[in-house]
């Protein structure tokens, strides 16, 4: 459980078993402010789940868009992709014939 000082807004982690006990006052170790039992309980794990779920959805959408764009490019430039293979084959043959290995 997190306890927040109302004066300096510093947060402190209090173990659950100690936080459930009845405290009447708290003292901030940074600004020495003393306040009555006014605990703000924060659960930092809940927003992280929502953010990770949104991030996962965004990654799935982006991957789907990239796959569709790749398929469209392959379909549109299919004739030119045939020449790419010929180019690399000729380049490989050039270097192969440049230095004959016996």
Protein backbone atom coordinates (compact mmCIF):
# COMPACT_ATOMS: atom_id res chain seq x y z
CA UNK A 1 0.00 0.00 0.00
CA UNK A 2 1.22 3.52 -0.76
CA UNK A 3 0.81 6.40 1.69
CA UNK A 4 1.12 9.97 0.40
CA UNK A 5 2.16 12.98 2.46
CA UNK A 6 -0.40 15.77 1.95
CA UNK A 7 2.25 18.51 2.28
CA UNK A 8 5.15 17.44 0.03
CA UNK A 9 3.30 14.73 -1.95
CA UNK A 10 6.00 12.15 -1.20
CA UNK A 11 4.82 8.58 -1.34
CA UNK A 12 5.85 5.81 0.99
CA UNK A 13 5.35 2.08 0.65
CA UNK A 14 3.75 0.56 3.74
CA UNK A 15 3.48 -3.22 4.03
CA UNK A 16 -0.10 -4.48 3.81
CA UNK A 17 -0.11 -6.02 7.30
CA UNK A 18 1.07 -2.75 8.87
CA UNK A 19 -1.26 -0.65 6.75
CA UNK A 20 -4.29 -2.61 7.91
CA UNK A 21 -3.47 -1.84 11.55
CA UNK A 22 -5.08 1.19 13.11
CA UNK A 23 -2.62 4.09 12.96
CA UNK A 24 -3.74 7.44 14.27
CA UNK A 25 -0.91 9.61 12.90
CA UNK A 26 1.76 9.49 10.25
CA UNK A 27 5.00 11.46 10.04
CA UNK A 28 6.75 12.24 6.76
CA UNK A 29 10.46 11.46 6.88
CA UNK A 30 11.21 14.10 4.25
CA UNK A 31 9.39 17.23 5.42
CA UNK A 32 8.59 16.08 9.02
CA UNK A 33 4.92 16.87 8.50
CA UNK A 34 2.55 15.03 10.85
CA UNK A 35 -0.99 14.28 9.70
CA UNK A 36 -3.97 12.33 10.91
CA UNK A 37 -5.08 9.04 9.44
CA UNK A 38 -5.85 10.21 5.91
CA UNK A 39 -4.39 7.43 3.79
CA UNK A 40 -4.54 7.56 0.04
CA UNK A 41 -4.30 4.02 -1.24
CA UNK A 42 -2.89 3.75 -4.71
CA UNK A 43 -2.79 0.58 -6.74
CA UNK A 44 -0.10 1.09 -9.39
CA UNK A 45 -0.76 -2.28 -11.05
CA UNK A 46 -4.23 -1.46 -12.40
CA UNK A 47 -3.24 1.31 -14.84
CA UNK A 48 -0.30 -0.78 -16.07
CA UNK A 49 -2.65 -3.54 -17.18
CA UNK A 50 -4.79 -1.11 -19.14
CA UNK A 51 -1.72 0.41 -20.80
CA UNK A 52 -0.30 -2.99 -21.69
CA UNK A 53 -3.63 -4.09 -23.17
CA UNK A 54 -3.80 -0.92 -25.29
CA UNK A 55 -0.17 -1.32 -26.37
CA UNK A 56 -0.80 -4.93 -27.36
CA UNK A 57 -3.81 -3.92 -29.46
CA UNK A 58 -1.79 -1.18 -31.15
CA UNK A 59 1.02 -3.60 -31.98
CA UNK A 60 -1.44 -6.08 -33.48
CA UNK A 61 -3.03 -3.37 -35.61
CA UNK A 62 0.35 -2.10 -36.82
CA UNK A 63 1.51 -5.61 -37.70
CA UNK A 64 -1.70 -6.25 -39.62
CA UNK A 65 -1.22 -2.99 -41.57
CA UNK A 66 2.39 -3.88 -42.39
CA UNK A 67 1.35 -7.32 -43.67
CA UNK A 68 -1.34 -5.79 -45.89
CA UNK A 69 1.09 -3.18 -47.29
CA UNK A 70 3.64 -5.92 -48.01
CA UNK A 71 1.07 -8.00 -49.87
CA UNK A 72 -0.04 -4.96 -51.91
CA UNK A 73 3.57 -4.11 -52.85
CA UNK A 74 4.26 -7.70 -53.90
CA UNK A 75 1.14 -7.78 -56.05
CA UNK A 76 1.81 -4.38 -57.66
CA UNK A 77 5.53 -4.92 -58.32
CA UNK A 78 5.46 -8.65 -59.09
CA UNK A 79 7.04 -8.19 -62.53
CA UNK A 80 9.94 -6.15 -61.16
CA UNK A 81 10.67 -8.63 -58.36
CA UNK A 82 11.64 -11.23 -60.96
CA UNK A 83 14.52 -9.01 -62.10
CA UNK A 84 15.84 -8.62 -58.56
CA UNK A 85 16.64 -12.33 -58.41
CA UNK A 86 18.45 -12.14 -61.77
CA UNK A 87 20.53 -9.18 -60.54
CA UNK A 88 21.77 -10.99 -57.44
CA UNK A 89 22.52 -14.14 -59.43
CA UNK A 90 24.64 -12.14 -61.89
CA UNK A 91 26.47 -10.38 -59.07
CA UNK A 92 27.24 -13.71 -57.39
CA UNK A 93 28.51 -15.17 -60.69
CA UNK A 94 30.69 -12.09 -61.22
CA UNK A 95 32.47 -12.57 -57.88
CA UNK A 96 32.64 -16.30 -58.40
CA UNK A 97 34.42 -15.86 -61.75
CA UNK A 98 36.60 -13.01 -60.50
CA UNK A 99 38.77 -15.24 -58.30
CA UNK A 100 38.81 -18.78 -59.61
CA UNK A 101 39.20 -21.38 -56.91
CA UNK A 102 40.94 -24.61 -57.91
